[in-house]
Protein backbone atom coordinates (compact mmCIF):
# COMPACT_ATOMS: atom_id res chain seq x y z
CA MET A 1 21.03 30.18 33.08
CA LEU A 2 19.49 27.06 34.64
CA GLU A 3 19.56 26.51 38.38
CA LYS A 4 21.71 23.64 39.62
CA ASP A 5 18.88 21.28 40.60
CA ILE A 6 16.93 21.92 37.38
CA LYS A 7 20.07 21.34 35.35
CA ALA A 8 20.69 18.03 37.11
CA GLN A 9 17.12 16.94 36.41
CA LEU A 10 17.37 18.03 32.77
CA ASN A 11 20.59 16.10 32.36
CA GLN A 12 18.74 12.91 33.31
CA TYR A 13 16.03 13.60 30.75
CA LEU A 14 18.52 14.33 27.98
CA GLU A 15 19.99 10.88 28.44
CA LEU A 16 16.65 9.59 27.10
CA LEU A 17 17.08 11.29 23.70
CA GLU A 18 16.78 8.63 21.01
CA ASN A 19 18.09 10.49 17.94
CA ASP A 20 19.93 13.69 17.06
CA ILE A 21 17.97 16.96 17.10
CA VAL A 22 18.72 20.47 15.87
CA LEU A 23 17.76 23.67 17.67
CA LYS A 24 17.43 26.49 15.15
CA VAL A 25 17.66 29.91 16.77
CA SER A 26 16.50 33.26 15.42
CA ALA A 27 18.16 35.90 17.61
CA GLY A 28 18.76 39.63 17.56
CA GLU A 29 20.79 41.98 19.75
CA ASP A 30 18.21 42.36 22.53
CA LYS A 31 18.37 40.89 26.04
CA VAL A 32 15.71 38.24 25.42
CA SER A 33 17.63 37.02 22.36
CA ASN A 34 20.79 36.77 24.44
CA ASP A 35 18.91 34.87 27.16
CA ILE A 36 17.50 32.43 24.59
CA LEU A 37 20.96 31.87 23.13
CA ASP A 38 22.35 31.25 26.62
CA LEU A 39 19.58 28.74 27.35
CA ILE A 40 19.92 26.90 24.03
CA ASN A 41 23.71 26.71 24.19
CA GLU A 42 23.58 25.51 27.79
CA ILE A 43 21.16 22.73 26.83
CA ALA A 44 23.21 21.77 23.79
CA SER A 45 26.34 21.53 25.93
CA MET A 46 24.65 18.84 27.99
CA SER A 47 24.11 16.33 25.15
CA SER A 48 26.10 15.30 22.09
CA LYS A 49 22.79 14.62 20.33
CA ILE A 50 21.83 18.32 20.30
CA SER A 51 23.26 20.82 17.84
CA VAL A 52 22.50 24.51 17.36
CA GLU A 53 22.05 26.49 14.14
CA GLU A 54 21.35 30.19 13.72
CA THR A 55 18.59 30.96 11.24
CA LYS A 56 15.76 33.38 10.51
CA LEU A 57 12.32 32.40 11.80
CA GLU A 58 9.01 34.25 11.59
CA ARG A 59 9.61 35.85 14.98
CA THR A 60 12.81 37.09 16.57
CA PRO A 61 13.69 36.05 19.18
CA SER A 62 12.53 32.43 18.88
CA PHE A 63 13.85 28.91 18.29
CA SER A 64 12.54 25.68 16.78
CA VAL A 65 13.09 22.02 17.73
CA ASN A 66 13.76 19.79 14.73
CA ARG A 67 14.84 16.41 13.51
CA VAL A 68 18.04 16.44 11.47
CA GLY A 69 17.15 17.55 7.94
CA GLU A 70 13.47 18.06 8.81
CA ASP A 71 11.49 20.93 10.34
CA THR A 72 8.88 19.59 12.77
CA GLY A 73 7.05 22.89 13.08
CA ILE A 74 7.56 23.22 16.86
CA VAL A 75 8.62 26.78 17.71
CA PHE A 76 9.09 28.62 21.01
CA ALA A 77 8.76 32.41 20.63
CA GLY A 78 9.97 33.15 24.12
CA ILE A 79 11.96 31.53 26.90
CA PRO A 80 10.12 28.36 27.98
CA LEU A 81 10.93 28.42 31.67
CA GLY A 82 8.51 28.52 34.60
CA HIS A 83 5.47 26.36 33.87
CA GLU A 84 6.59 25.95 30.25
CA PHE A 85 9.91 24.27 31.03
CA THR A 86 8.24 20.87 30.94
CA SER A 87 6.89 21.73 27.48
CA LEU A 88 10.45 22.28 26.26
CA VAL A 89 11.75 19.04 27.79
CA LEU A 90 8.93 17.00 26.26
CA ALA A 91 9.45 18.63 22.87
CA LEU A 92 13.13 17.67 22.93
CA LEU A 93 12.33 14.06 23.82
CA GLN A 94 9.44 13.64 21.40
CA VAL A 95 11.20 15.22 18.43
CA SER A 96 14.15 12.89 19.11
CA GLY A 97 11.81 9.95 18.59
CA ARG A 98 10.53 9.17 22.07
CA ALA A 99 6.83 8.26 21.87
CA PRO A 100 4.41 10.67 23.55
CA LYS A 101 2.42 9.27 26.47
CA VAL A 102 -1.02 9.28 24.87
CA ASP A 103 -3.34 6.46 23.88
CA GLN A 104 -2.68 4.77 20.56
CA SER A 105 -6.19 5.69 19.43
CA ILE A 106 -5.32 9.38 19.81
CA ILE A 107 -2.03 8.91 17.95
CA ASP A 108 -3.92 7.29 15.09
CA GLN A 109 -6.50 10.10 14.99
CA VAL A 110 -3.77 12.77 14.84
CA LYS A 111 -1.86 10.98 12.10
CA ASN A 112 -5.02 10.70 10.00
CA ILE A 113 -5.77 14.46 10.05
CA SER A 114 -5.55 15.94 6.55
CA GLY A 115 -5.22 19.59 5.58
CA GLU A 116 -2.84 22.29 6.80
CA TYR A 117 -3.12 23.37 10.44
CA HIS A 118 -0.83 26.12 11.73
CA PHE A 119 -1.47 26.70 15.45
CA GLU A 120 -0.15 29.57 17.59
CA THR A 121 -0.67 29.71 21.36
CA PHE A 122 -0.19 32.87 23.41
CA VAL A 123 0.87 31.99 26.95
CA SER A 124 2.23 33.53 30.12
CA LEU A 125 4.92 31.68 32.04
CA SER A 126 2.86 31.92 35.24
CA CYS A 127 -0.14 30.20 33.63
CA HIS A 128 -0.67 26.66 34.93
CA ASN A 129 -3.16 25.81 32.18
CA CYS A 130 -0.99 26.91 29.25
CA PRO A 131 1.50 23.99 29.28
CA ASP A 132 -1.27 21.46 28.68
CA VAL A 133 -2.29 23.28 25.50
CA VAL A 134 1.30 23.79 24.33
CA GLN A 135 2.21 20.15 24.95
CA ALA A 136 -0.91 18.85 23.21
CA LEU A 137 -0.29 20.90 20.07
CA ASN A 138 3.42 20.05 20.11
CA ILE A 139 2.54 16.34 20.17
CA MET A 140 0.27 16.83 17.18
CA SER A 141 3.07 18.62 15.33
CA VAL A 142 5.46 15.74 16.03
CA LEU A 143 2.95 13.16 14.79
CA ASN A 144 1.60 14.92 11.70
CA PRO A 145 3.74 16.88 9.19
CA ASN A 146 0.68 18.95 8.21
CA ILE A 147 0.48 20.47 11.69
CA THR A 148 2.77 23.16 13.15
CA HIS A 149 2.69 24.93 16.49
CA THR A 150 4.31 28.05 17.92
CA MET A 151 4.28 28.94 21.61
CA ILE A 152 4.25 32.75 22.00
CA ASP A 153 5.10 34.36 25.33
CA GLY A 154 2.63 37.26 25.52
CA ALA A 155 4.84 39.19 27.96
CA ILE A 156 7.75 39.23 25.49
CA ASN A 157 5.62 39.65 22.38
CA ARG A 158 3.39 42.28 23.95
CA ASP A 159 2.86 44.34 20.79
CA GLU A 160 1.65 41.30 18.86
CA ALA A 161 -0.59 40.26 21.74
CA GLU A 162 -2.12 43.74 21.80
CA ARG A 163 -2.55 43.78 18.03
CA ARG A 164 -4.34 40.43 18.09
CA ASN A 165 -6.52 41.40 21.08
CA VAL A 166 -5.14 38.73 23.40
CA ARG A 167 -6.55 39.47 26.85
CA ALA A 168 -6.49 36.00 28.37
CA VAL A 169 -4.25 32.95 28.08
CA PRO A 170 -3.93 30.38 26.77
CA ALA A 171 -5.23 31.89 23.51
CA VAL A 172 -4.98 29.58 20.49
CA PHE A 173 -5.00 30.83 16.91
CA LEU A 174 -5.47 28.49 13.94
CA ASN A 175 -4.25 29.58 10.51
CA GLY A 176 -4.15 33.18 11.73
CA GLU A 177 -7.65 33.32 13.26
CA PHE A 178 -8.61 33.09 16.94
CA TRP A 179 -9.70 29.50 17.57
CA ASN A 180 -9.89 28.75 21.31
CA GLY A 181 -9.50 30.46 24.67
CA GLY A 182 -8.64 28.57 27.85
CA ARG A 183 -7.31 25.12 28.60
CA ILE A 184 -8.00 22.45 26.00
CA THR A 185 -6.75 18.86 25.93
CA ILE A 186 -5.58 16.91 22.90
CA GLN A 187 -8.88 14.98 22.96
CA GLU A 188 -10.81 18.26 22.98
CA ILE A 189 -8.69 19.59 20.11
CA LEU A 190 -9.49 16.51 18.07
CA ALA A 191 -13.18 16.83 18.87
CA LYS A 192 -13.17 20.48 17.85
CA LEU A 193 -11.48 19.54 14.58
CA GLY A 194 -14.26 17.01 13.97
CA GLU A 195 -12.14 14.00 14.91
CA GLY A 196 -13.78 13.16 18.26
CA PRO A 197 -16.00 10.19 19.22
CA LYS A 198 -19.49 10.05 17.67
CA ALA A 199 -22.75 8.69 19.09
CA GLU A 200 -22.31 5.42 17.22
CA ASP A 201 -19.04 4.82 19.09
CA PHE A 202 -21.12 4.24 22.25
CA ALA A 203 -23.85 2.11 20.67
CA ASP A 204 -22.59 -1.34 21.69
CA ARG A 205 -21.86 -0.66 25.35
CA ASP A 206 -23.57 -3.05 27.77
CA PRO A 207 -25.43 -1.57 30.78
CA TYR A 208 -23.30 -0.65 33.79
CA ASP A 209 -23.84 -1.55 37.40
CA VAL A 210 -22.65 1.92 38.37
CA LEU A 211 -22.29 4.83 35.95
CA VAL A 212 -20.50 7.88 37.34
CA VAL A 213 -21.25 11.23 35.68
CA GLY A 214 -18.34 13.61 36.31
CA GLY A 215 -14.57 13.11 36.42
CA GLY A 216 -13.37 15.37 39.22
CA PRO A 217 -12.17 14.28 42.67
CA ALA A 218 -15.65 13.04 43.69
CA GLY A 219 -16.26 11.15 40.44
CA SER A 220 -12.80 9.58 40.40
CA SER A 221 -13.16 8.41 44.00
CA ALA A 222 -16.66 7.02 43.32
CA ALA A 223 -15.51 5.12 40.22
CA ILE A 224 -12.51 3.57 41.98
CA TYR A 225 -14.59 2.47 44.98
CA ALA A 226 -17.17 0.91 42.66
CA ALA A 227 -14.57 -0.87 40.52
CA ARG A 228 -12.92 -2.31 43.63
CA LYS A 229 -16.21 -4.06 44.37
CA GLY A 230 -15.82 -5.98 41.12
CA ILE A 231 -18.92 -4.53 39.48
CA ARG A 232 -19.21 -3.09 35.95
CA THR A 233 -18.27 0.58 36.26
CA GLY A 234 -18.27 3.44 33.80
CA ILE A 235 -17.33 7.09 34.15
CA VAL A 236 -18.44 9.79 31.72
CA ALA A 237 -16.78 13.18 32.09
CA GLU A 238 -16.93 16.46 30.24
CA ARG A 239 -13.42 17.26 31.45
CA PHE A 240 -11.40 14.81 33.50
CA GLY A 241 -10.18 16.50 36.66
CA GLY A 242 -13.04 18.97 36.71
CA GLN A 243 -12.58 22.28 38.46
CA ILE A 244 -9.18 21.38 39.94
CA MET A 245 -7.78 21.82 36.43
CA ASP A 246 -8.25 25.56 37.07
CA THR A 247 -6.63 25.47 40.52
CA LEU A 248 -3.03 26.62 40.78
CA SER A 249 -1.85 25.79 44.28
CA ILE A 250 -3.24 23.03 46.53
CA GLU A 251 -1.78 22.98 50.03
CA ASN A 252 -4.59 21.45 52.09
CA PHE A 253 -4.78 17.97 50.55
CA ILE A 254 -3.74 15.97 53.58
CA SER A 255 -0.46 14.00 53.22
CA VAL A 256 0.57 16.06 50.16
CA LYS A 257 2.24 19.26 51.33
CA ALA A 258 1.80 21.08 48.03
CA THR A 259 0.73 20.30 44.49
CA GLU A 260 -1.00 21.90 41.52
CA GLY A 261 -4.45 21.18 40.15
CA PRO A 262 -3.41 19.75 36.76
CA LYS A 263 -0.90 17.42 38.45
CA LEU A 264 -3.56 16.12 40.82
CA ALA A 265 -5.99 15.68 37.93
CA GLN A 266 -3.42 13.65 36.03
CA ALA A 267 -2.83 11.47 39.10
CA LEU A 268 -6.60 10.94 39.46
CA GLU A 269 -6.94 9.87 35.83
CA GLU A 270 -3.98 7.50 36.07
CA HIS A 271 -5.43 5.95 39.24
CA VAL A 272 -8.85 5.48 37.61
CA LYS A 273 -7.26 3.83 34.57
CA ASP A 274 -5.51 1.31 36.82
CA TYR A 275 -8.92 -0.31 37.28
CA ASN A 276 -11.34 -1.93 34.86
CA ILE A 277 -13.35 1.26 34.43
CA ASP A 278 -14.85 2.32 31.11
CA VAL A 279 -13.67 5.95 30.84
CA MET A 280 -15.61 8.18 28.44
CA ASP A 281 -13.92 11.58 28.42
CA LEU A 282 -15.10 14.79 26.71
CA GLN A 283 -18.74 13.74 26.98
CA ARG A 284 -21.38 15.96 28.53
CA ALA A 285 -24.57 14.56 30.06
CA LYS A 286 -27.78 16.05 28.70
CA ARG A 287 -30.62 14.07 30.32
CA LEU A 288 -31.32 11.57 33.10
CA GLU A 289 -34.32 9.26 32.78
CA LYS A 290 -35.55 6.12 34.61
CA ASN A 291 -37.04 3.38 32.48
CA GLU A 292 -36.27 -0.32 33.00
CA LEU A 293 -32.74 0.94 33.73
CA PHE A 294 -31.41 4.44 34.27
CA GLU A 295 -30.55 6.19 31.01
CA ILE A 296 -28.03 9.00 30.56
CA GLU A 297 -28.29 10.79 27.23
CA LEU A 298 -25.12 12.58 26.10
CA GLU A 299 -24.87 15.80 24.10
CA ASN A 300 -23.74 13.81 21.05
CA GLY A 301 -26.99 11.78 21.15
CA ALA A 302 -25.58 8.59 22.64
CA VAL A 303 -27.55 6.88 25.43
CA LEU A 304 -25.81 4.98 28.25
CA LYS A 305 -27.70 2.60 30.55
CA SER A 306 -26.97 1.63 34.14
CA LYS A 307 -28.52 -0.01 37.20
CA SER A 308 -27.42 2.93 39.38
CA ILE A 309 -26.07 6.43 38.83
CA ILE A 310 -23.63 8.64 40.74
CA ILE A 311 -23.76 12.32 39.80
CA SER A 312 -20.54 14.22 40.47
CA THR A 313 -20.68 17.03 37.92
CA GLY A 314 -19.09 19.62 40.23
CA ALA A 315 -19.44 23.36 39.87
CA ARG A 316 -18.24 26.20 37.66
CA TRP A 317 -17.31 29.85 38.10
CA ARG A 318 -20.38 31.97 38.78
CA ASN A 319 -20.95 34.69 36.20
CA VAL A 320 -21.92 38.27 37.07
CA ASN A 321 -24.59 38.05 34.35
CA VAL A 322 -24.42 41.69 33.33
CA PRO A 323 -24.20 43.21 29.83
CA GLY A 324 -20.67 42.96 28.46
CA GLU A 325 -19.52 39.93 30.43
CA GLU A 326 -20.14 37.36 27.71
CA GLU A 327 -19.20 39.74 24.88
CA PHE A 328 -15.80 40.53 26.35
CA LYS A 329 -14.69 37.12 27.62
CA ASN A 330 -11.02 36.76 26.66
CA LYS A 331 -11.14 40.43 25.61
CA GLY A 332 -10.77 41.92 29.06
CA VAL A 333 -13.09 39.72 31.14
CA ALA A 334 -11.10 36.98 32.87
CA TYR A 335 -11.49 34.47 35.68
CA CYS A 336 -7.92 33.40 36.47
CA PRO A 337 -5.58 36.10 37.84
CA HIS A 338 -2.62 33.69 37.88
CA CYS A 339 -2.96 32.90 34.17
CA ASP A 340 -4.05 36.23 32.75
CA GLY A 341 -2.59 38.73 35.22
CA PRO A 342 0.73 39.22 33.34
CA LEU A 343 -1.18 40.43 30.27
CA TYR A 344 -2.41 43.42 32.26
CA GLU A 345 0.95 44.72 33.42
CA GLY A 346 0.77 48.47 33.90
CA LYS A 347 -3.00 48.59 33.29
CA ASN A 348 -6.00 49.40 35.46
CA VAL A 349 -8.19 46.40 36.38
CA ALA A 350 -11.09 45.50 38.63
CA VAL A 351 -11.86 42.42 40.71
CA ILE A 352 -15.53 41.63 41.31
CA GLY A 353 -15.91 39.79 44.60
CA GLY A 354 -14.77 40.43 48.16
CA GLY A 355 -14.41 36.87 49.41
CA ASN A 356 -11.09 35.09 49.92
CA SER A 357 -10.65 34.29 46.23
CA GLY A 358 -11.39 37.87 45.20
CA ILE A 359 -9.05 39.48 47.71
CA GLU A 360 -6.28 36.97 46.98
CA ALA A 361 -6.69 37.81 43.29
CA ALA A 362 -6.51 41.54 44.00
CA ILE A 363 -3.33 41.14 46.07
CA ASP A 364 -1.69 39.08 43.31
CA LEU A 365 -2.72 41.55 40.61
CA ALA A 366 -1.54 44.56 42.58
CA GLY A 367 2.04 43.39 42.10
CA ILE A 368 1.61 43.49 38.31
CA VAL A 369 -0.99 46.05 37.30
CA LYS A 370 -1.06 49.82 37.67
CA HIS A 371 -4.14 49.83 39.88
CA VAL A 372 -6.74 47.32 41.05
CA THR A 373 -10.26 48.18 42.18
CA VAL A 374 -12.22 45.64 44.24
CA LEU A 375 -16.02 45.77 44.03
CA GLU A 376 -18.05 43.98 46.72
CA PHE A 377 -21.86 43.79 46.63
CA ALA A 378 -22.22 43.57 50.43
CA PRO A 379 -21.55 46.42 52.91
CA GLU A 380 -18.22 44.85 53.88
CA LEU A 381 -15.65 42.42 52.54
CA LYS A 382 -16.12 38.73 53.36
CA ALA A 383 -12.47 37.70 53.11
CA ASP A 384 -10.36 36.65 56.09
CA SER A 385 -9.08 39.59 58.12
CA VAL A 386 -5.43 38.80 57.37
CA LEU A 387 -6.14 39.11 53.64
CA GLN A 388 -8.08 42.33 54.11
CA LYS A 389 -5.23 43.82 56.13
CA ARG A 390 -2.77 42.95 53.38
CA LEU A 391 -5.00 44.44 50.67
CA TYR A 392 -5.57 47.70 52.52
CA SER A 393 -1.80 48.10 52.95
CA LEU A 394 -1.27 48.22 49.19
CA PRO A 395 -0.88 51.71 47.66
CA ASN A 396 -2.44 50.76 44.30
CA ALA A 397 -5.62 49.06 45.53
CA THR A 398 -9.07 50.55 46.11
CA VAL A 399 -12.05 48.83 47.74
CA ILE A 400 -15.64 49.78 46.92
CA THR A 401 -18.38 48.10 48.96
CA ASN A 402 -22.14 48.18 48.39
CA ALA A 403 -21.33 48.09 44.68
CA ALA A 404 -23.72 46.29 42.32
CA THR A 405 -22.00 45.71 39.00
CA LYS A 406 -24.31 46.99 36.26
CA GLU A 407 -22.35 46.69 33.01
CA ILE A 408 -18.92 45.92 31.60
CA THR A 409 -18.25 48.35 28.78
CA GLY A 410 -15.97 48.37 25.77
CA SER A 411 -15.66 48.31 22.00
CA ASP A 412 -13.15 45.73 20.77
CA ASN A 413 -11.92 45.20 24.33
CA VAL A 414 -13.02 46.16 27.83
CA ASN A 415 -12.66 49.87 28.58
CA GLY A 416 -14.59 50.19 31.81
CA LEU A 417 -17.17 49.03 34.33
CA THR A 418 -20.36 50.66 35.55
CA TYR A 419 -21.68 49.94 39.06
CA THR A 420 -24.57 51.16 41.18
CA ASP A 421 -23.95 52.44 44.70
CA ARG A 422 -26.54 50.42 46.65
CA GLU A 423 -26.77 53.11 49.37
CA THR A 424 -27.40 56.12 47.14
CA GLY A 425 -28.71 54.43 43.99
CA GLU A 426 -26.24 56.44 41.90
CA ASP A 427 -24.36 54.92 38.96
CA HIS A 428 -20.59 55.29 38.68
CA HIS A 429 -18.19 54.36 35.88
CA VAL A 430 -14.61 53.19 36.35
CA GLU A 431 -12.23 53.29 33.39
CA LEU A 432 -10.13 50.15 33.20
CA GLU A 433 -8.88 47.50 30.80
CA GLY A 434 -9.56 44.26 32.63
CA VAL A 435 -12.22 42.71 34.87
CA PHE A 436 -11.54 39.60 36.94
CA VAL A 437 -14.69 37.83 38.16
CA GLN A 438 -14.33 36.08 41.53
CA ILE A 439 -17.82 35.59 42.99
CA GLY A 440 -17.95 31.91 43.80
CA LEU A 441 -19.34 28.79 42.19
CA ILE A 442 -22.59 27.46 40.75
CA PRO A 443 -23.36 23.71 40.62
CA ASN A 444 -23.48 21.97 37.22
CA THR A 445 -26.98 20.56 37.68
CA ASP A 446 -29.09 22.45 35.11
CA TRP A 447 -29.48 19.26 33.06
CA LEU A 448 -31.28 17.55 35.99
CA GLU A 449 -34.36 19.79 35.92
CA GLY A 450 -37.42 17.77 36.95
CA THR A 451 -35.50 14.71 38.18
CA VAL A 452 -33.70 14.77 41.53
CA GLU A 453 -34.55 17.28 44.25
CA ARG A 454 -32.35 20.38 44.41
CA ASN A 455 -32.23 23.38 46.73
CA ARG A 456 -32.72 27.01 45.69
CA MET A 457 -29.04 27.27 44.71
CA GLY A 458 -29.33 24.27 42.40
CA GLU A 459 -27.39 21.93 44.68
CA ILE A 460 -28.54 18.29 44.75
CA ILE A 461 -29.97 17.35 48.14
CA VAL A 462 -28.42 14.12 49.45
CA ASP A 463 -28.63 12.07 52.64
CA LYS A 464 -25.78 10.63 54.69
CA SER A 465 -25.28 7.83 52.13
CA GLY A 466 -25.16 10.22 49.19
CA ALA A 467 -28.64 9.13 48.06
CA THR A 468 -30.85 11.61 46.18
CA SER A 469 -34.63 11.83 46.04
CA MET A 470 -34.62 9.31 43.16
CA PRO A 471 -33.90 5.76 44.40
CA GLY A 472 -30.79 4.38 42.73
CA VAL A 473 -29.36 7.82 41.96
CA PHE A 474 -26.59 9.11 44.21
CA ALA A 475 -24.57 12.34 44.15
CA ALA A 476 -21.26 13.61 45.51
CA GLY A 477 -18.99 16.62 45.55
CA ASP A 478 -19.57 20.29 44.77
CA CYS A 479 -22.83 19.64 42.90
CA THR A 480 -24.49 18.63 46.20
CA ASP A 481 -25.64 20.51 49.30
CA SER A 482 -22.45 19.59 51.13
CA ALA A 483 -21.59 22.10 53.85
CA TYR A 484 -18.15 22.78 52.36
CA ASN A 485 -16.54 22.61 48.94
CA GLN A 486 -13.08 21.10 49.35
CA ILE A 487 -11.17 18.51 47.32
CA ILE A 488 -10.72 16.14 50.24
CA ILE A 489 -14.41 16.42 51.16
CA SER A 490 -15.42 15.71 47.56
CA MET A 491 -13.28 12.58 47.49
CA GLY A 492 -14.83 11.36 50.73
CA SER A 493 -18.34 12.03 49.47
CA GLY A 494 -17.53 10.18 46.24
CA ALA A 495 -16.52 7.12 48.26
CA THR A 496 -19.68 7.44 50.38
CA ALA A 497 -21.94 7.68 47.32
CA SER A 498 -20.23 4.67 45.74
CA LEU A 499 -20.70 2.55 48.86
CA GLY A 500 -24.30 3.75 49.00
CA ALA A 501 -24.83 2.72 45.37
CA PHE A 502 -23.31 -0.70 46.03
CA ASP A 503 -25.60 -1.20 49.01
CA TYR A 504 -28.57 -0.20 46.81
CA LEU A 505 -27.57 -2.78 44.17
CA ILE A 506 -27.30 -5.54 46.78
CA ARG A 507 -30.73 -4.78 48.22
CA ASN A 508 -32.45 -4.32 44.86
């Protein structure tokens, strides 16, 4: 079942197994069950430390990964190939006794969790965010006997996904109730369970020379450049990696022919941690103030002080801001066609936005869904002509221009969209089951109201050194008025802002 090169790679990993493990399989007579049996038996044939037992689990088909004589609570209800193949490999290694690659402080926090936690994560194999969630919850299951986790392939378990109103992945359920939608790291899981860092954990930190706010490409670059100058550097980030965590394919990062956002984010974090940089992850900045030193107040109440500041808080998906959007998020309103598209197989969906991202989304979705309708506010699409030509060639795609989205409708889930024809003023309703929003980005600068100068779009205005209107405060990346939003440009601007901050420190 496994391709030759994947099998060769897996064989190398299986040599790292430390103790015997048991794969318990619950199979029926269907094709998926047969495929799971083929996969499990093929894996078992590659290592004498793996045995297979047939059993009855909560879902059929499925299989669990266990220590001998002990159920670890890690279950795969589906075939973990595609993006989830790494999740399977790591589960095999970690259940066998190989330590997970997380900080000891996180391991201690997980082990100290009390109470029963039964997690279930609905995924699609094309989702690039899902493996991070699956792997995090699997690690927690390995470390704590009170925690279990089941990965559920929504495409295979479609009836259950429908019954539980899963309209976007990853969708995490805890003890039977919906708990979280979207990517979430092990640190974020701990924080949500009440195990994350508190304000008092930051109380004894000395002032920084440079404090970077934001952990995306710009922030990572800025922190590394500052640390290389030998000055005290800190980086506080709501989510390390930033927006690239939501980016599937990256093919324009010079010298790297192709990669994926989460992989690049991991490489950025590893590079940052090679230096003497105080990394404070999962912390959101709330306020910037200048007293004797600059002060950054965090959402948890902690206050960090620094001689200079670099703001690199990036941007987020722009919302349509119409009735129904917020109410139906993860219930028919989605933002990632790669992740959530497979859940809408055979259904009617809409894409709001006629730029490159919107048209690319529509083309991808057209290969899965019954019909896709593109709504563009302007009189014509803004996407590249080659993309438009491809879209118009598809038999199950419709384009509506001059369309102002008015409302996303539904009851438990989305059932339609109302738009206004901007030429005639007439309202029209389209019946559908999913809406994908692709209308660009908005900078994460709301928390800076009344401090640094911003333009009408909320972007921080900077000069050629990355300096803002407040001396000692610099900015870089997608939160600024940079002409273009690209990863490589953000990294360069991060380096520029860091050099600018260092020059400011020397002169002041």
